[in-house]
Amino acid sequence: MGRTVGVPKEIKTAEHRIALTPDGVRELDRYGVIHYAVGNMPGAVPHTATYALSNVTLPYVLKLALNGAPAACRADPALAAGVNTVGGLLTNQPVADFLGVPAAHPLSALST
């Protein structure tokens, strides 16, 4: 059975599921669009979620703050991969392909 991509026929705000079994998938797939909601874990444990997010993002923030964006991105490919636009230039190739516009390489754009 083919899948429909786009606006579903029925909008649901949530379908709370613990796990998806084959029967569960068939139930969710009844209109040709799979509806799936993930519980709001950060909302359930906000204090822990805040610490977790801070712990994983702080090293990147420090690299950017201490070295500037161009140097930090040259030193860390993960940072460079997160650059989407620079000075009005689009640096995300899949988005550029979708829009039919050229994309600049993130490190080249940051160097100008």
PDB file of N, CA and C in Angstrom:
ATOM      1  N   MET A   1       0.848  -1.185   0.000  1.00  0.00           N
ATOM      2  CA  MET A   1       0.000   0.000   0.000  1.00  0.00           C
ATOM      3  C   MET A   1       0.884   1.236   0.000  1.00  0.00           C
ATOM      4  N   GLY A   2       0.654   2.166  -0.908  1.00  0.00           N
ATOM      5  CA  GLY A   2       1.437   3.379  -0.974  1.00  0.00           C
ATOM      6  C   GLY A   2       1.102   4.337   0.151  1.00  0.00           C
ATOM      7  N   ARG A   3       2.001   5.195   0.455  1.00  0.00           N
ATOM      8  CA  ARG A   3       1.811   6.177   1.512  1.00  0.00           C
ATOM      9  C   ARG A   3       1.486   7.535   0.894  1.00  0.00           C
ATOM     10  N   THR A   4       0.637   8.293   1.565  1.00  0.00           N
ATOM     11  CA  THR A   4       0.308   9.639   1.144  1.00  0.00           C
ATOM     12  C   THR A   4       1.222  10.602   1.880  1.00  0.00           C
ATOM     13  N   VAL A   5       1.853  11.473   1.140  1.00  0.00           N
ATOM     14  CA  VAL A   5       2.697  12.493   1.754  1.00  0.00           C
ATOM     15  C   VAL A   5       1.984  13.818   1.601  1.00  0.00           C
ATOM     16  N   GLY A   6       1.827  14.539   2.683  1.00  0.00           N
ATOM     17  CA  GLY A   6       1.158  15.827   2.612  1.00  0.00           C
ATOM     18  C   GLY A   6       0.224  16.011   3.778  1.00  0.00           C
ATOM     19  N   VAL A   7      -0.800  16.775   3.566  1.00  0.00           N
ATOM     20  CA  VAL A   7      -1.747  17.099   4.621  1.00  0.00           C
ATOM     21  C   VAL A   7      -2.662  15.917   4.864  1.00  0.00           C
ATOM     22  N   PRO A   8      -2.730  15.452   6.106  1.00  0.00           N
ATOM     23  CA  PRO A   8      -3.607  14.310   6.375  1.00  0.00           C
ATOM     24  C   PRO A   8      -5.072  14.690   6.265  1.00  0.00           C
ATOM     25  N   LYS A   9      -5.907  13.683   6.040  1.00  0.00           N
ATOM     26  CA  LYS A   9      -7.344  13.916   5.944  1.00  0.00           C
ATOM     27  C   LYS A   9      -7.936  14.239   7.305  1.00  0.00           C
ATOM     28  N   GLU A  10      -7.316  13.769   8.328  1.00  0.00           N
ATOM     29  CA  GLU A  10      -7.809  13.997   9.681  1.00  0.00           C
ATOM     30  C   GLU A  10      -6.641  14.474  10.532  1.00  0.00           C
ATOM     31  N   ILE A  11      -6.801  15.588  11.186  1.00  0.00           N
ATOM     32  CA  ILE A  11      -5.745  16.129  12.031  1.00  0.00           C
ATOM     33  C   ILE A  11      -5.963  15.654  13.455  1.00  0.00           C
ATOM     34  N   LYS A  12      -4.955  15.033  14.017  1.00  0.00           N
ATOM     35  CA  LYS A  12      -5.014  14.597  15.401  1.00  0.00           C
ATOM     36  C   LYS A  12      -3.857  15.241  16.142  1.00  0.00           C
ATOM     37  N   THR A  13      -4.134  15.690  17.338  1.00  0.00           N
ATOM     38  CA  THR A  13      -3.066  16.327  18.102  1.00  0.00           C
ATOM     39  C   THR A  13      -2.131  15.310  18.724  1.00  0.00           C
ATOM     40  N   ALA A  14      -2.606  14.113  18.999  1.00  0.00           N
ATOM     41  CA  ALA A  14      -1.729  13.097  19.573  1.00  0.00           C
ATOM     42  C   ALA A  14      -2.387  11.729  19.504  1.00  0.00           C
ATOM     43  N   GLU A  15      -1.589  10.734  19.345  1.00  0.00           N
ATOM     44  CA  GLU A  15      -1.991   9.341  19.450  1.00  0.00           C
ATOM     45  C   GLU A  15      -0.968   8.736  20.391  1.00  0.00           C
ATOM     46  N   HIS A  16      -1.268   8.669  21.649  1.00  0.00           N
ATOM     47  CA  HIS A  16      -0.301   8.181  22.629  1.00  0.00           C
ATOM     48  C   HIS A  16      -0.170   6.670  22.514  1.00  0.00           C
ATOM     49  N   ARG A  17       1.043   6.226  22.261  1.00  0.00           N
ATOM     50  CA  ARG A  17       1.334   4.804  22.124  1.00  0.00           C
ATOM     51  C   ARG A  17       2.587   4.495  22.938  1.00  0.00           C
ATOM     52  N   ILE A  18       2.588   3.352  23.559  1.00  0.00           N
ATOM     53  CA  ILE A  18       3.791   2.903  24.255  1.00  0.00           C
ATOM     54  C   ILE A  18       4.743   2.277  23.244  1.00  0.00           C
ATOM     55  N   ALA A  19       4.224   1.442  22.368  1.00  0.00           N
ATOM     56  CA  ALA A  19       5.027   0.800  21.339  1.00  0.00           C
ATOM     57  C   ALA A  19       4.136   0.552  20.135  1.00  0.00           C
ATOM     58  N   LEU A  20       4.739   0.462  18.964  1.00  0.00           N
ATOM     59  CA  LEU A  20       3.976   0.183  17.756  1.00  0.00           C
ATOM     60  C   LEU A  20       4.119  -1.279  17.391  1.00  0.00           C
ATOM     61  N   THR A  21       3.037  -1.985  17.470  1.00  0.00           N
ATOM     62  CA  THR A  21       2.965  -3.369  17.019  1.00  0.00           C
ATOM     63  C   THR A  21       2.403  -3.341  15.606  1.00  0.00           C
ATOM     64  N   PRO A  22       2.445  -4.452  14.888  1.00  0.00           N
ATOM     65  CA  PRO A  22       1.833  -4.453  13.551  1.00  0.00           C
ATOM     66  C   PRO A  22       0.369  -4.006  13.581  1.00  0.00           C
ATOM     67  N   ASP A  23      -0.395  -4.454  14.585  1.00  0.00           N
ATOM     68  CA  ASP A  23      -1.788  -4.017  14.685  1.00  0.00           C
ATOM     69  C   ASP A  23      -1.863  -2.517  14.940  1.00  0.00           C
ATOM     70  N   GLY A  24      -0.945  -2.005  15.751  1.00  0.00           N
ATOM     71  CA  GLY A  24      -0.922  -0.576  16.026  1.00  0.00           C
ATOM     72  C   GLY A  24      -0.615   0.242  14.785  1.00  0.00           C
ATOM     73  N   VAL A  25       0.303  -0.256  13.975  1.00  0.00           N
ATOM     74  CA  VAL A  25       0.633   0.441  12.727  1.00  0.00           C
ATOM     75  C   VAL A  25      -0.581   0.459  11.808  1.00  0.00           C
ATOM     76  N   ARG A  26      -1.266  -0.677  11.697  1.00  0.00           N
ATOM     77  CA  ARG A  26      -2.471  -0.714  10.852  1.00  0.00           C
ATOM     78  C   ARG A  26      -3.516   0.276  11.359  1.00  0.00           C
ATOM     79  N   GLU A  27      -3.649   0.369  12.651  1.00  0.00           N
ATOM     80  CA  GLU A  27      -4.607   1.312  13.230  1.00  0.00           C
ATOM     81  C   GLU A  27      -4.228   2.752  12.886  1.00  0.00           C
ATOM     82  N   LEU A  28      -2.956   3.081  13.009  1.00  0.00           N
ATOM     83  CA  LEU A  28      -2.514   4.442  12.707  1.00  0.00           C
ATOM     84  C   LEU A  28      -2.546   4.737  11.213  1.00  0.00           C
ATOM     85  N   ASP A  29      -2.451   3.713  10.397  1.00  0.00           N
ATOM     86  CA  ASP A  29      -2.361   3.877   8.947  1.00  0.00           C
ATOM     87  C   ASP A  29      -3.730   3.864   8.267  1.00  0.00           C
ATOM     88  N   ARG A  30      -4.791   3.943   9.012  1.00  0.00           N
ATOM     89  CA  ARG A  30      -6.131   3.760   8.454  1.00  0.00           C
ATOM     90  C   ARG A  30      -6.515   4.809   7.415  1.00  0.00           C
ATOM     91  N   TYR A  31      -5.908   5.971   7.417  1.00  0.00           N
ATOM     92  CA  TYR A  31      -6.223   7.006   6.425  1.00  0.00           C
ATOM     93  C   TYR A  31      -5.096   7.210   5.419  1.00  0.00           C
ATOM     94  N   GLY A  32      -4.128   6.297   5.411  1.00  0.00           N
ATOM     95  CA  GLY A  32      -3.029   6.424   4.466  1.00  0.00           C
ATOM     96  C   GLY A  32      -1.911   7.325   4.952  1.00  0.00           C
ATOM     97  N   VAL A  33      -2.043   7.851   6.141  1.00  0.00           N
ATOM     98  CA  VAL A  33      -1.009   8.709   6.718  1.00  0.00           C
ATOM     99  C   VAL A  33      -0.741   8.198   8.122  1.00  0.00           C
ATOM    100  N   ILE A  34       0.502   7.950   8.420  1.00  0.00           N
ATOM    101  CA  ILE A  34       0.817   7.479   9.766  1.00  0.00           C
ATOM    102  C   ILE A  34       0.871   8.675  10.705  1.00  0.00           C
ATOM    103  N   HIS A  35       0.071   8.607  11.755  1.00  0.00           N
ATOM    104  CA  HIS A  35       0.054   9.622  12.806  1.00  0.00           C
ATOM    105  C   HIS A  35       0.828   9.048  13.977  1.00  0.00           C
ATOM    106  N   TYR A  36       1.793   9.765  14.464  1.00  0.00           N
ATOM    107  CA  TYR A  36       2.578   9.254  15.569  1.00  0.00           C
ATOM    108  C   TYR A  36       3.014  10.418  16.422  1.00  0.00           C
ATOM    109  N   ALA A  37       2.813  10.319  17.693  1.00  0.00           N
ATOM    110  CA  ALA A  37       3.212  11.379  18.618  1.00  0.00           C
ATOM    111  C   ALA A  37       4.187  10.793  19.629  1.00  0.00           C
ATOM    112  N   VAL A  38       5.173  11.565  19.969  1.00  0.00           N
ATOM    113  CA  VAL A  38       6.141  11.160  20.978  1.00  0.00           C
ATOM    114  C   VAL A  38       5.866  11.998  22.209  1.00  0.00           C
ATOM    115  N   GLY A  39       5.822  11.360  23.336  1.00  0.00           N
ATOM    116  CA  GLY A  39       5.568  12.081  24.579  1.00  0.00           C
ATOM    117  C   GLY A  39       6.584  13.183  24.813  1.00  0.00           C
ATOM    118  N   ASN A  40       6.160  14.218  25.474  1.00  0.00           N
ATOM    119  CA  ASN A  40       7.025  15.360  25.752  1.00  0.00           C
ATOM    120  C   ASN A  40       7.899  15.053  26.964  1.00  0.00           C
ATOM    121  N   MET A  41       9.002  14.357  26.721  1.00  0.00           N
ATOM    122  CA  MET A  41       9.881  13.974  27.823  1.00  0.00           C
ATOM    123  C   MET A  41      10.492  15.189  28.517  1.00  0.00           C
ATOM    124  N   PRO A  42      10.967  16.218  27.786  1.00  0.00           N
ATOM    125  CA  PRO A  42      11.494  17.382  28.513  1.00  0.00           C
ATOM    126  C   PRO A  42      10.443  18.028  29.409  1.00  0.00           C
ATOM    127  N   GLY A  43       9.184  17.992  28.989  1.00  0.00           N
ATOM    128  CA  GLY A  43       8.124  18.554  29.821  1.00  0.00           C
ATOM    129  C   GLY A  43       7.859  17.716  31.048  1.00  0.00           C
ATOM    130  N   ALA A  44       8.122  16.414  30.940  1.00  0.00           N
ATOM    131  CA  ALA A  44       7.887  15.514  32.071  1.00  0.00           C
ATOM    132  C   ALA A  44       8.995  15.623  33.111  1.00  0.00           C
ATOM    133  N   VAL A  45      10.205  15.925  32.664  1.00  0.00           N
ATOM    134  CA  VAL A  45      11.346  16.042  33.577  1.00  0.00           C
ATOM    135  C   VAL A  45      12.148  17.295  33.207  1.00  0.00           C
ATOM    136  N   PRO A  46      11.563  18.488  33.394  1.00  0.00           N
ATOM    137  CA  PRO A  46      12.194  19.710  32.901  1.00  0.00           C
ATOM    138  C   PRO A  46      13.558  20.002  33.513  1.00  0.00           C
ATOM    139  N   HIS A  47      13.738  19.734  34.784  1.00  0.00           N
ATOM    140  CA  HIS A  47      15.018  20.031  35.432  1.00  0.00           C
ATOM    141  C   HIS A  47      16.131  19.186  34.812  1.00  0.00           C
ATOM    142  N   THR A  48      15.881  17.890  34.678  1.00  0.00           N
ATOM    143  CA  THR A  48      16.862  16.986  34.088  1.00  0.00           C
ATOM    144  C   THR A  48      17.103  17.327  32.622  1.00  0.00           C
ATOM    145  N   ALA A  49      16.042  17.638  31.894  1.00  0.00           N
ATOM    146  CA  ALA A  49      16.179  17.965  30.477  1.00  0.00           C
ATOM    147  C   ALA A  49      17.011  19.221  30.275  1.00  0.00           C
ATOM    148  N   THR A  50      16.825  20.203  31.137  1.00  0.00           N
ATOM    149  CA  THR A  50      17.601  21.450  31.037  1.00  0.00           C
ATOM    150  C   THR A  50      19.083  21.171  31.239  1.00  0.00           C
ATOM    151  N   TYR A  51      19.422  20.374  32.236  1.00  0.00           N
ATOM    152  CA  TYR A  51      20.823  20.034  32.473  1.00  0.00           C
ATOM    153  C   TYR A  51      21.398  19.235  31.314  1.00  0.00           C
ATOM    154  N   ALA A  52      20.635  18.299  30.790  1.00  0.00           N
ATOM    155  CA  ALA A  52      21.112  17.493  29.671  1.00  0.00           C
ATOM    156  C   ALA A  52      21.375  18.356  28.445  1.00  0.00           C
ATOM    157  N   LEU A  53      20.439  19.240  28.116  1.00  0.00           N
ATOM    158  CA  LEU A  53      20.620  20.117  26.962  1.00  0.00           C
ATOM    159  C   LEU A  53      21.808  21.052  27.165  1.00  0.00           C
ATOM    160  N   SER A  54      21.932  21.609  28.346  1.00  0.00           N
ATOM    161  CA  SER A  54      23.062  22.502  28.644  1.00  0.00           C
ATOM    162  C   SER A  54      24.392  21.769  28.523  1.00  0.00           C
ATOM    163  N   ASN A  55      24.449  20.543  29.019  1.00  0.00           N
ATOM    164  CA  ASN A  55      25.693  19.775  28.988  1.00  0.00           C
ATOM    165  C   ASN A  55      26.147  19.448  27.574  1.00  0.00           C
ATOM    166  N   VAL A  56      25.211  19.197  26.673  1.00  0.00           N
ATOM    167  CA  VAL A  56      25.618  18.846  25.314  1.00  0.00           C
ATOM    168  C   VAL A  56      25.830  20.066  24.424  1.00  0.00           C
ATOM    169  N   THR A  57      25.212  21.199  24.743  1.00  0.00           N
ATOM    170  CA  THR A  57      25.377  22.381  23.889  1.00  0.00           C
ATOM    171  C   THR A  57      26.488  23.321  24.358  1.00  0.00           C
ATOM    172  N   LEU A  58      26.803  23.327  25.634  1.00  0.00           N
ATOM    173  CA  LEU A  58      27.799  24.270  26.156  1.00  0.00           C
ATOM    174  C   LEU A  58      29.157  24.167  25.461  1.00  0.00           C
ATOM    175  N   PRO A  59      29.688  22.986  25.190  1.00  0.00           N
ATOM    176  CA  PRO A  59      30.979  22.940  24.487  1.00  0.00           C
ATOM    177  C   PRO A  59      30.954  23.659  23.132  1.00  0.00           C
ATOM    178  N   TYR A  60      29.843  23.547  22.396  1.00  0.00           N
ATOM    179  CA  TYR A  60      29.734  24.232  21.109  1.00  0.00           C
ATOM    180  C   TYR A  60      29.632  25.740  21.300  1.00  0.00           C
ATOM    181  N   VAL A  61      28.863  26.156  22.277  1.00  0.00           N
ATOM    182  CA  VAL A  61      28.722  27.587  22.562  1.00  0.00           C
ATOM    183  C   VAL A  61      30.081  28.176  22.935  1.00  0.00           C
ATOM    184  N   LEU A  62      30.845  27.466  23.757  1.00  0.00           N
ATOM    185  CA  LEU A  62      32.168  27.957  24.149  1.00  0.00           C
ATOM    186  C   LEU A  62      33.107  28.056  22.958  1.00  0.00           C
ATOM    187  N   LYS A  63      33.108  27.053  22.077  1.00  0.00           N
ATOM    188  CA  LYS A  63      33.956  27.113  20.883  1.00  0.00           C
ATOM    189  C   LYS A  63      33.613  28.336  20.037  1.00  0.00           C
ATOM    190  N   LEU A  64      32.324  28.585  19.842  1.00  0.00           N
ATOM    191  CA  LEU A  64      31.902  29.742  19.045  1.00  0.00           C
ATOM    192  C   LEU A  64      32.284  31.041  19.725  1.00  0.00           C
ATOM    193  N   ALA A  65      32.065  31.124  21.040  1.00  0.00           N
ATOM    194  CA  ALA A  65      32.340  32.356  21.774  1.00  0.00           C
ATOM    195  C   ALA A  65      33.839  32.648  21.848  1.00  0.00           C
ATOM    196  N   LEU A  66      34.647  31.639  22.061  1.00  0.00           N
ATOM    197  CA  LEU A  66      36.077  31.845  22.244  1.00  0.00           C
ATOM    198  C   LEU A  66      36.850  31.990  20.941  1.00  0.00           C
ATOM    199  N   ASN A  67      36.353  31.365  19.859  1.00  0.00           N
ATOM    200  CA  ASN A  67      37.117  31.347  18.606  1.00  0.00           C
ATOM    201  C   ASN A  67      36.460  32.089  17.459  1.00  0.00           C
ATOM    202  N   GLY A  68      35.187  32.432  17.589  1.00  0.00           N
ATOM    203  CA  GLY A  68      34.460  33.014  16.473  1.00  0.00           C
ATOM    204  C   GLY A  68      33.942  31.906  15.564  1.00  0.00           C
ATOM    205  N   ALA A  69      32.896  32.201  14.835  1.00  0.00           N
ATOM    206  CA  ALA A  69      32.252  31.189  14.002  1.00  0.00           C
ATOM    207  C   ALA A  69      33.176  30.593  12.943  1.00  0.00           C
ATOM    208  N   PRO A  70      33.931  31.392  12.169  1.00  0.00           N
ATOM    209  CA  PRO A  70      34.760  30.774  11.123  1.00  0.00           C
ATOM    210  C   PRO A  70      35.782  29.784  11.676  1.00  0.00           C
ATOM    211  N   ALA A  71      36.532  30.191  12.689  1.00  0.00           N
ATOM    212  CA  ALA A  71      37.565  29.304  13.248  1.00  0.00           C
ATOM    213  C   ALA A  71      36.941  28.089  13.933  1.00  0.00           C
ATOM    214  N   ALA A  72      35.853  28.290  14.657  1.00  0.00           N
ATOM    215  CA  ALA A  72      35.206  27.176  15.350  1.00  0.00           C
ATOM    216  C   ALA A  72      34.677  26.155  14.349  1.00  0.00           C
ATOM    217  N   CYS A  73      34.109  26.612  13.243  1.00  0.00           N
ATOM    218  CA  CYS A  73      33.579  25.693  12.228  1.00  0.00           C
ATOM    219  C   CYS A  73      34.693  24.982  11.466  1.00  0.00           C
ATOM    220  N   ARG A  74      35.815  25.666  11.245  1.00  0.00           N
ATOM    221  CA  ARG A  74      36.954  24.994  10.601  1.00  0.00           C
ATOM    222  C   ARG A  74      37.501  23.888  11.496  1.00  0.00           C
ATOM    223  N   ALA A  75      37.495  24.117  12.813  1.00  0.00           N
ATOM    224  CA  ALA A  75      38.040  23.140  13.753  1.00  0.00           C
ATOM    225  C   ALA A  75      37.069  22.008  14.073  1.00  0.00           C
ATOM    226  N   ASP A  76      35.794  22.229  13.878  1.00  0.00           N
ATOM    227  CA  ASP A  76      34.793  21.230  14.277  1.00  0.00           C
ATOM    228  C   ASP A  76      33.787  21.010  13.156  1.00  0.00           C
ATOM    229  N   PRO A  77      33.899  19.899  12.434  1.00  0.00           N
ATOM    230  CA  PRO A  77      32.968  19.623  11.327  1.00  0.00           C
ATOM    231  C   PRO A  77      31.500  19.586  11.754  1.00  0.00           C
ATOM    232  N   ALA A  78      31.229  19.208  13.009  1.00  0.00           N
ATOM    233  CA  ALA A  78      29.838  19.178  13.471  1.00  0.00           C
ATOM    234  C   ALA A  78      29.250  20.583  13.484  1.00  0.00           C
ATOM    235  N   LEU A  79      30.038  21.565  13.874  1.00  0.00           N
ATOM    236  CA  LEU A  79      29.560  22.949  13.835  1.00  0.00           C
ATOM    237  C   LEU A  79      29.351  23.406  12.393  1.00  0.00           C
ATOM    238  N   ALA A  80      30.292  23.092  11.521  1.00  0.00           N
ATOM    239  CA  ALA A  80      30.166  23.486  10.116  1.00  0.00           C
ATOM    240  C   ALA A  80      28.917  22.875   9.484  1.00  0.00           C
ATOM    241  N   ALA A  81      28.603  21.640   9.861  1.00  0.00           N
ATOM    242  CA  ALA A  81      27.421  20.975   9.307  1.00  0.00           C
ATOM    243  C   ALA A  81      26.130  21.636   9.770  1.00  0.00           C
ATOM    244  N   GLY A  82      26.182  22.369  10.860  1.00  0.00           N
ATOM    245  CA  GLY A  82      24.994  23.038  11.376  1.00  0.00           C
ATOM    246  C   GLY A  82      24.753  24.418  10.802  1.00  0.00           C
ATOM    247  N   VAL A  83      25.666  24.911   9.970  1.00  0.00           N
ATOM    248  CA  VAL A  83      25.510  26.236   9.371  1.00  0.00           C
ATOM    249  C   VAL A  83      24.536  26.126   8.199  1.00  0.00           C
ATOM    250  N   ASN A  84      23.475  26.923   8.222  1.00  0.00           N
ATOM    251  CA  ASN A  84      22.470  26.890   7.150  1.00  0.00           C
ATOM    252  C   ASN A  84      22.491  28.129   6.276  1.00  0.00           C
ATOM    253  N   THR A  85      22.784  29.279   6.855  1.00  0.00           N
ATOM    254  CA  THR A  85      22.886  30.527   6.099  1.00  0.00           C
ATOM    255  C   THR A  85      24.016  31.361   6.680  1.00  0.00           C
ATOM    256  N   VAL A  86      24.650  32.127   5.798  1.00  0.00           N
ATOM    257  CA  VAL A  86      25.706  33.046   6.223  1.00  0.00           C
ATOM    258  C   VAL A  86      25.588  34.294   5.368  1.00  0.00           C
ATOM    259  N   GLY A  87      25.378  35.429   5.993  1.00  0.00           N
ATOM    260  CA  GLY A  87      25.358  36.700   5.263  1.00  0.00           C
ATOM    261  C   GLY A  87      24.439  36.699   4.049  1.00  0.00           C
ATOM    262  N   GLY A  88      23.304  36.073   4.158  1.00  0.00           N
ATOM    263  CA  GLY A  88      22.357  36.030   3.053  1.00  0.00           C
ATOM    264  C   GLY A  88      22.600  34.897   2.068  1.00  0.00           C
ATOM    265  N   LEU A  89      23.653  34.112   2.269  1.00  0.00           N
ATOM    266  CA  LEU A  89      23.929  32.962   1.406  1.00  0.00           C
ATOM    267  C   LEU A  89      23.362  31.699   2.039  1.00  0.00           C
ATOM    268  N   LEU A  90      22.748  30.868   1.240  1.00  0.00           N
ATOM    269  CA  LEU A  90      22.238  29.583   1.697  1.00  0.00           C
ATOM    270  C   LEU A  90      23.371  28.583   1.647  1.00  0.00           C
ATOM    271  N   THR A  91      23.603  27.867   2.748  1.00  0.00           N
ATOM    272  CA  THR A  91      24.699  26.899   2.795  1.00  0.00           C
ATOM    273  C   THR A  91      24.212  25.469   2.990  1.00  0.00           C
ATOM    274  N   ASN A  92      22.926  25.261   3.011  1.00  0.00           N
ATOM    275  CA  ASN A  92      22.352  23.932   3.190  1.00  0.00           C
ATOM    276  C   ASN A  92      21.979  23.385   1.817  1.00  0.00           C
ATOM    277  N   GLN A  93      22.749  22.381   1.336  1.00  0.00           N
ATOM    278  CA  GLN A  93      22.564  21.884  -0.035  1.00  0.00           C
ATOM    279  C   GLN A  93      21.184  21.289  -0.287  1.00  0.00           C
ATOM    280  N   PRO A  94      20.641  20.452   0.600  1.00  0.00           N
ATOM    281  CA  PRO A  94      19.304  19.912   0.328  1.00  0.00           C
ATOM    282  C   PRO A  94      18.232  21.002   0.222  1.00  0.00           C
ATOM    283  N   VAL A  95      18.312  22.024   1.051  1.00  0.00           N
ATOM    284  CA  VAL A  95      17.340  23.123   0.971  1.00  0.00           C
ATOM    285  C   VAL A  95      17.536  23.884  -0.339  1.00  0.00           C
ATOM    286  N   ALA A  96      18.788  24.131  -0.715  1.00  0.00           N
ATOM    287  CA  ALA A  96      19.069  24.822  -1.974  1.00  0.00           C
ATOM    288  C   ALA A  96      18.530  24.028  -3.167  1.00  0.00           C
ATOM    289  N   ASP A  97      18.742  22.711  -3.138  1.00  0.00           N
ATOM    290  CA  ASP A  97      18.230  21.860  -4.227  1.00  0.00           C
ATOM    291  C   ASP A  97      16.710  21.966  -4.311  1.00  0.00           C
ATOM    292  N   PHE A  98      16.048  21.922  -3.161  1.00  0.00           N
ATOM    293  CA  PHE A  98      14.595  22.005  -3.134  1.00  0.00           C
ATOM    294  C   PHE A  98      14.107  23.337  -3.696  1.00  0.00           C
ATOM    295  N   LEU A  99      14.808  24.425  -3.341  1.00  0.00           N
ATOM    296  CA  LEU A  99      14.403  25.754  -3.791  1.00  0.00           C
ATOM    297  C   LEU A  99      14.907  26.091  -5.189  1.00  0.00           C
ATOM    298  N   GLY A 100      15.811  25.265  -5.722  1.00  0.00           N
ATOM    299  CA  GLY A 100      16.362  25.527  -7.046  1.00  0.00           C
ATOM    300  C   GLY A 100      17.313  26.707  -7.078  1.00  0.00           C
ATOM    301  N   VAL A 101      18.043  26.892  -5.990  1.00  0.00           N
ATOM    302  CA  VAL A 101      19.017  27.978  -5.906  1.00  0.00           C
ATOM    303  C   VAL A 101      20.377  27.384  -5.566  1.00  0.00           C
ATOM    304  N   PRO A 102      21.455  28.127  -5.854  1.00  0.00           N
ATOM    305  CA  PRO A 102      22.789  27.600  -5.525  1.00  0.00           C
ATOM    306  C   PRO A 102      23.040  27.658  -4.016  1.00  0.00           C
ATOM    307  N   ALA A 103      23.911  26.770  -3.580  1.00  0.00           N
ATOM    308  CA  ALA A 103      24.327  26.773  -2.175  1.00  0.00           C
ATOM    309  C   ALA A 103      25.818  27.070  -2.097  1.00  0.00           C
ATOM    310  N   ALA A 104      26.179  27.854  -1.120  1.00  0.00           N
ATOM    311  CA  ALA A 104      27.599  28.126  -0.862  1.00  0.00           C
ATOM    312  C   ALA A 104      28.115  27.115   0.149  1.00  0.00           C
ATOM    313  N   HIS A 105      29.385  26.784   0.067  1.00  0.00           N
ATOM    314  CA  HIS A 105      29.984  25.903   1.069  1.00  0.00           C
ATOM    315  C   HIS A 105      30.071  26.685   2.381  1.00  0.00           C
ATOM    316  N   PRO A 106      29.675  26.085   3.507  1.00  0.00           N
ATOM    317  CA  PRO A 106      29.640  26.829   4.769  1.00  0.00           C
ATOM    318  C   PRO A 106      30.970  27.497   5.133  1.00  0.00           C
ATOM    319  N   LEU A 107      32.077  26.776   4.993  1.00  0.00           N
ATOM    320  CA  LEU A 107      33.366  27.364   5.381  1.00  0.00           C
ATOM    321  C   LEU A 107      33.771  28.489   4.440  1.00  0.00           C
ATOM    322  N   SER A 108      33.469  28.356   3.160  1.00  0.00           N
ATOM    323  CA  SER A 108      33.767  29.451   2.216  1.00  0.00           C
ATOM    324  C   SER A 108      32.932  30.677   2.557  1.00  0.00           C
ATOM    325  N   ALA A 109      31.661  30.468   2.860  1.00  0.00           N
ATOM    326  CA  ALA A 109      30.785  31.595   3.189  1.00  0.00           C
ATOM    327  C   ALA A 109      31.228  32.281   4.481  1.00  0.00           C
ATOM    328  N   LEU A 110      31.693  31.503   5.448  1.00  0.00           N
ATOM    329  CA  LEU A 110      32.135  32.085   6.712  1.00  0.00           C
ATOM    330  C   LEU A 110      33.442  32.868   6.555  1.00  0.00           C
ATOM    331  N   SER A 111      34.210  32.540   5.526  1.00  0.00           N
ATOM    332  CA  SER A 111      35.510  33.198   5.333  1.00  0.00           C
ATOM    333  C   SER A 111      35.399  34.557   4.671  1.00  0.00           C
ATOM    334  N   THR A 112      34.236  34.872   4.119  1.00  0.00           N
ATOM    335  CA  THR A 112      34.096  36.146   3.417  1.00  0.00           C
ATOM    336  C   THR A 112      33.686  37.255   4.350  1.00  0.00           C
TER     337      THR A 112
END
